């Protein structure tokens, strides 16, 4: 056996709460602000899915000005008025 795959549960709802908490305190964040040092792969994937879900819901905007550049995460101004 070359590699064992160990299933891990994702915590997208928990990651969404974490993103909402950070963006409640400030208007923007970076990817590195949301992922703790030494994060497990399931935590990183949970955060990525949470960001995509929150963007889909219109709660935030994601921008990456250049390939492999920093990911800018901002509250969506339209969702703040609602």
N, C-alpha and C. Protein backbone atom coordinates (compact mmCIF):
# COMPACT_ATOMS: atom_id res chain seq x y z
N UNK A 1 0.85 -1.17 0.00
CA UNK A 1 0.00 0.00 0.00
C UNK A 1 0.90 1.24 0.00
N UNK A 2 0.73 2.07 -0.99
CA UNK A 2 1.53 3.28 -1.09
C UNK A 2 0.96 4.43 -0.28
N UNK A 3 -0.37 4.47 -0.18
CA UNK A 3 -0.98 5.61 0.49
C UNK A 3 -2.33 5.20 1.07
N UNK A 4 -2.57 5.55 2.30
CA UNK A 4 -3.87 5.32 2.92
C UNK A 4 -4.66 6.62 2.90
N UNK A 5 -5.88 6.57 2.44
CA UNK A 5 -6.76 7.73 2.46
C UNK A 5 -7.64 7.62 3.69
N UNK A 6 -7.54 8.62 4.54
CA UNK A 6 -8.32 8.63 5.77
C UNK A 6 -9.41 9.69 5.61
N UNK A 7 -10.67 9.28 5.63
CA UNK A 7 -11.75 10.26 5.46
C UNK A 7 -11.82 11.21 6.66
N UNK A 8 -12.00 12.47 6.36
CA UNK A 8 -12.16 13.49 7.38
C UNK A 8 -13.42 14.29 7.06
N UNK A 9 -14.17 14.60 8.06
CA UNK A 9 -15.37 15.40 7.87
C UNK A 9 -14.97 16.86 7.65
N UNK A 10 -15.62 17.52 6.70
CA UNK A 10 -15.38 18.93 6.48
C UNK A 10 -16.29 19.74 7.40
N UNK A 11 -15.85 20.92 7.76
CA UNK A 11 -16.64 21.80 8.62
C UNK A 11 -16.86 23.13 7.91
N UNK A 12 -17.64 23.09 6.86
CA UNK A 12 -17.89 24.29 6.06
C UNK A 12 -18.69 25.31 6.88
N UNK A 13 -19.69 24.84 7.61
CA UNK A 13 -20.51 25.76 8.42
C UNK A 13 -19.65 26.47 9.47
N UNK A 14 -18.75 25.74 10.11
CA UNK A 14 -17.86 26.34 11.09
C UNK A 14 -16.92 27.34 10.46
N UNK A 15 -16.40 27.02 9.27
CA UNK A 15 -15.51 27.94 8.56
C UNK A 15 -16.27 29.20 8.12
N UNK A 16 -17.53 29.04 7.71
CA UNK A 16 -18.33 30.20 7.34
C UNK A 16 -18.51 31.13 8.54
N UNK A 17 -18.74 30.55 9.70
CA UNK A 17 -18.85 31.35 10.92
C UNK A 17 -17.56 32.09 11.23
N UNK A 18 -16.44 31.43 11.00
CA UNK A 18 -15.14 32.07 11.23
C UNK A 18 -14.91 33.24 10.29
N UNK A 19 -15.26 33.07 9.03
CA UNK A 19 -15.11 34.15 8.05
C UNK A 19 -16.03 35.31 8.42
N UNK A 20 -17.26 35.01 8.76
CA UNK A 20 -18.20 36.07 9.16
C UNK A 20 -17.68 36.83 10.38
N UNK A 21 -17.08 36.10 11.32
CA UNK A 21 -16.54 36.75 12.51
C UNK A 21 -15.40 37.69 12.19
N UNK A 22 -14.50 37.26 11.32
CA UNK A 22 -13.38 38.12 10.92
C UNK A 22 -13.88 39.34 10.17
N UNK A 23 -14.82 39.15 9.25
CA UNK A 23 -15.32 40.28 8.47
C UNK A 23 -16.28 41.17 9.25
N UNK A 24 -16.76 40.72 10.38
CA UNK A 24 -17.56 41.60 11.24
C UNK A 24 -16.65 42.59 11.96
N UNK A 25 -15.42 42.16 12.22
CA UNK A 25 -14.46 43.00 12.94
C UNK A 25 -13.73 43.97 12.01
N UNK A 26 -13.60 43.60 10.75
CA UNK A 26 -12.89 44.46 9.79
C UNK A 26 -13.48 44.24 8.40
N UNK A 27 -13.22 45.18 7.52
CA UNK A 27 -13.85 45.16 6.20
C UNK A 27 -13.23 44.16 5.24
N UNK A 28 -11.97 43.80 5.46
CA UNK A 28 -11.33 42.88 4.52
C UNK A 28 -10.35 41.96 5.25
N UNK A 29 -9.98 40.90 4.56
CA UNK A 29 -9.04 39.93 5.11
C UNK A 29 -8.29 39.30 3.96
N UNK A 30 -7.24 38.60 4.28
CA UNK A 30 -6.47 37.83 3.30
C UNK A 30 -6.59 36.35 3.66
N UNK A 31 -6.28 35.51 2.71
CA UNK A 31 -6.35 34.06 2.91
C UNK A 31 -5.55 33.66 4.16
N UNK A 32 -4.36 34.20 4.30
CA UNK A 32 -3.50 33.87 5.44
C UNK A 32 -4.08 34.29 6.78
N UNK A 33 -4.99 35.26 6.79
CA UNK A 33 -5.64 35.68 8.03
C UNK A 33 -6.66 34.65 8.51
N UNK A 34 -7.14 33.83 7.58
CA UNK A 34 -8.21 32.89 7.91
C UNK A 34 -7.71 31.47 8.19
N UNK A 35 -6.54 31.15 7.68
CA UNK A 35 -6.00 29.80 7.83
C UNK A 35 -4.90 29.82 8.89
N UNK A 36 -5.06 29.07 9.96
CA UNK A 36 -4.01 29.05 11.00
C UNK A 36 -2.76 28.30 10.51
N UNK A 37 -1.62 28.66 11.06
CA UNK A 37 -0.39 27.93 10.74
C UNK A 37 -0.55 26.47 11.10
N UNK A 38 -0.09 25.61 10.26
CA UNK A 38 -0.18 24.17 10.52
C UNK A 38 -1.57 23.60 10.34
N UNK A 39 -2.41 24.28 9.56
CA UNK A 39 -3.78 23.81 9.34
C UNK A 39 -3.76 22.47 8.61
N UNK A 40 -4.68 21.63 8.97
CA UNK A 40 -4.84 20.33 8.32
C UNK A 40 -5.50 20.53 6.95
N UNK A 41 -5.29 19.62 6.02
CA UNK A 41 -5.92 19.76 4.70
C UNK A 41 -7.44 19.91 4.76
N UNK A 42 -8.11 19.21 5.68
CA UNK A 42 -9.57 19.34 5.76
C UNK A 42 -9.99 20.74 6.20
N UNK A 43 -9.15 21.40 7.03
CA UNK A 43 -9.46 22.76 7.45
C UNK A 43 -9.32 23.74 6.29
N UNK A 44 -8.28 23.54 5.49
CA UNK A 44 -8.06 24.40 4.32
C UNK A 44 -9.19 24.23 3.31
N UNK A 45 -9.56 23.00 3.04
CA UNK A 45 -10.66 22.74 2.11
C UNK A 45 -11.98 23.29 2.64
N UNK A 46 -12.22 23.14 3.94
CA UNK A 46 -13.44 23.69 4.54
C UNK A 46 -13.49 25.21 4.35
N UNK A 47 -12.35 25.88 4.54
CA UNK A 47 -12.30 27.33 4.40
C UNK A 47 -12.53 27.74 2.95
N UNK A 48 -11.91 27.03 2.02
CA UNK A 48 -12.10 27.35 0.61
C UNK A 48 -13.58 27.20 0.22
N UNK A 49 -14.20 26.12 0.62
CA UNK A 49 -15.62 25.92 0.30
C UNK A 49 -16.49 26.97 0.99
N UNK A 50 -16.13 27.36 2.21
CA UNK A 50 -16.88 28.40 2.92
C UNK A 50 -16.80 29.73 2.18
N UNK A 51 -15.61 30.08 1.70
CA UNK A 51 -15.46 31.34 0.96
C UNK A 51 -16.30 31.32 -0.32
N UNK A 52 -16.27 30.22 -1.03
CA UNK A 52 -17.06 30.12 -2.26
C UNK A 52 -18.56 30.18 -1.96
N UNK A 53 -18.99 29.54 -0.89
CA UNK A 53 -20.41 29.57 -0.53
C UNK A 53 -20.84 30.97 -0.11
N UNK A 54 -20.03 31.67 0.67
CA UNK A 54 -20.36 33.03 1.10
C UNK A 54 -20.37 33.99 -0.09
N UNK A 55 -19.48 33.78 -1.04
CA UNK A 55 -19.50 34.60 -2.26
C UNK A 55 -20.77 34.33 -3.06
N UNK A 56 -21.15 33.07 -3.14
CA UNK A 56 -22.38 32.70 -3.86
C UNK A 56 -23.60 33.33 -3.20
N UNK A 57 -23.59 33.40 -1.87
CA UNK A 57 -24.70 34.00 -1.13
C UNK A 57 -24.69 35.53 -1.19
N UNK A 58 -23.62 36.10 -1.73
CA UNK A 58 -23.52 37.56 -1.85
C UNK A 58 -23.05 38.24 -0.59
N UNK A 59 -22.48 37.50 0.35
CA UNK A 59 -22.02 38.09 1.60
C UNK A 59 -20.62 38.67 1.50
N UNK A 60 -19.85 38.24 0.51
CA UNK A 60 -18.50 38.75 0.36
C UNK A 60 -18.08 38.73 -1.10
N UNK A 61 -16.99 39.42 -1.36
CA UNK A 61 -16.39 39.47 -2.69
C UNK A 61 -14.98 38.93 -2.60
N UNK A 62 -14.59 38.14 -3.58
CA UNK A 62 -13.25 37.58 -3.64
C UNK A 62 -12.55 38.16 -4.86
N UNK A 63 -11.29 38.55 -4.68
CA UNK A 63 -10.50 39.07 -5.79
C UNK A 63 -9.07 38.59 -5.66
N UNK A 64 -8.50 38.24 -6.80
CA UNK A 64 -7.10 37.84 -6.86
C UNK A 64 -6.53 38.56 -8.08
N UNK A 65 -5.84 39.70 -7.85
CA UNK A 65 -5.43 40.54 -8.96
C UNK A 65 -4.48 39.90 -9.97
N UNK A 66 -3.73 38.92 -9.55
CA UNK A 66 -2.82 38.24 -10.48
C UNK A 66 -2.70 36.77 -10.10
N UNK A 67 -2.35 35.93 -11.05
CA UNK A 67 -2.20 34.50 -10.74
C UNK A 67 -1.20 34.30 -9.60
N UNK A 68 -1.56 33.46 -8.67
CA UNK A 68 -0.75 33.12 -7.50
C UNK A 68 -0.54 34.31 -6.56
N UNK A 69 -1.27 35.39 -6.78
CA UNK A 69 -1.19 36.56 -5.92
C UNK A 69 -2.05 36.37 -4.68
N UNK A 70 -2.04 37.35 -3.78
CA UNK A 70 -2.85 37.25 -2.57
C UNK A 70 -4.34 37.30 -2.89
N UNK A 71 -5.11 36.56 -2.12
CA UNK A 71 -6.57 36.54 -2.27
C UNK A 71 -7.15 37.60 -1.35
N UNK A 72 -7.86 38.55 -1.92
CA UNK A 72 -8.48 39.63 -1.15
C UNK A 72 -9.93 39.26 -0.89
N UNK A 73 -10.32 39.28 0.37
CA UNK A 73 -11.67 38.89 0.80
C UNK A 73 -12.31 40.12 1.45
N UNK A 74 -13.40 40.58 0.88
CA UNK A 74 -14.07 41.79 1.38
C UNK A 74 -15.56 41.54 1.59
N UNK A 75 -16.08 42.21 2.60
CA UNK A 75 -17.53 42.19 2.76
C UNK A 75 -18.16 42.82 1.55
N UNK A 76 -19.29 42.31 1.12
CA UNK A 76 -20.00 42.88 -0.01
C UNK A 76 -20.83 44.06 0.51
N UNK A 77 -20.60 45.23 -0.07
CA UNK A 77 -21.30 46.45 0.38
C UNK A 77 -22.81 46.29 0.28
N UNK A 78 -23.29 45.57 -0.72
CA UNK A 78 -24.73 45.38 -0.88
C UNK A 78 -25.31 44.57 0.26
N UNK A 79 -24.57 43.59 0.77
CA UNK A 79 -25.08 42.76 1.85
C UNK A 79 -25.06 43.51 3.19
N UNK A 80 -24.22 44.53 3.31
CA UNK A 80 -24.18 45.32 4.55
C UNK A 80 -25.42 46.17 4.70
N UNK A 81 -25.99 46.62 3.58
CA UNK A 81 -27.19 47.45 3.65
C UNK A 81 -28.42 46.64 3.96
N UNK A 82 -28.40 45.36 3.67
CA UNK A 82 -29.58 44.52 3.86
C UNK A 82 -29.77 44.13 5.30
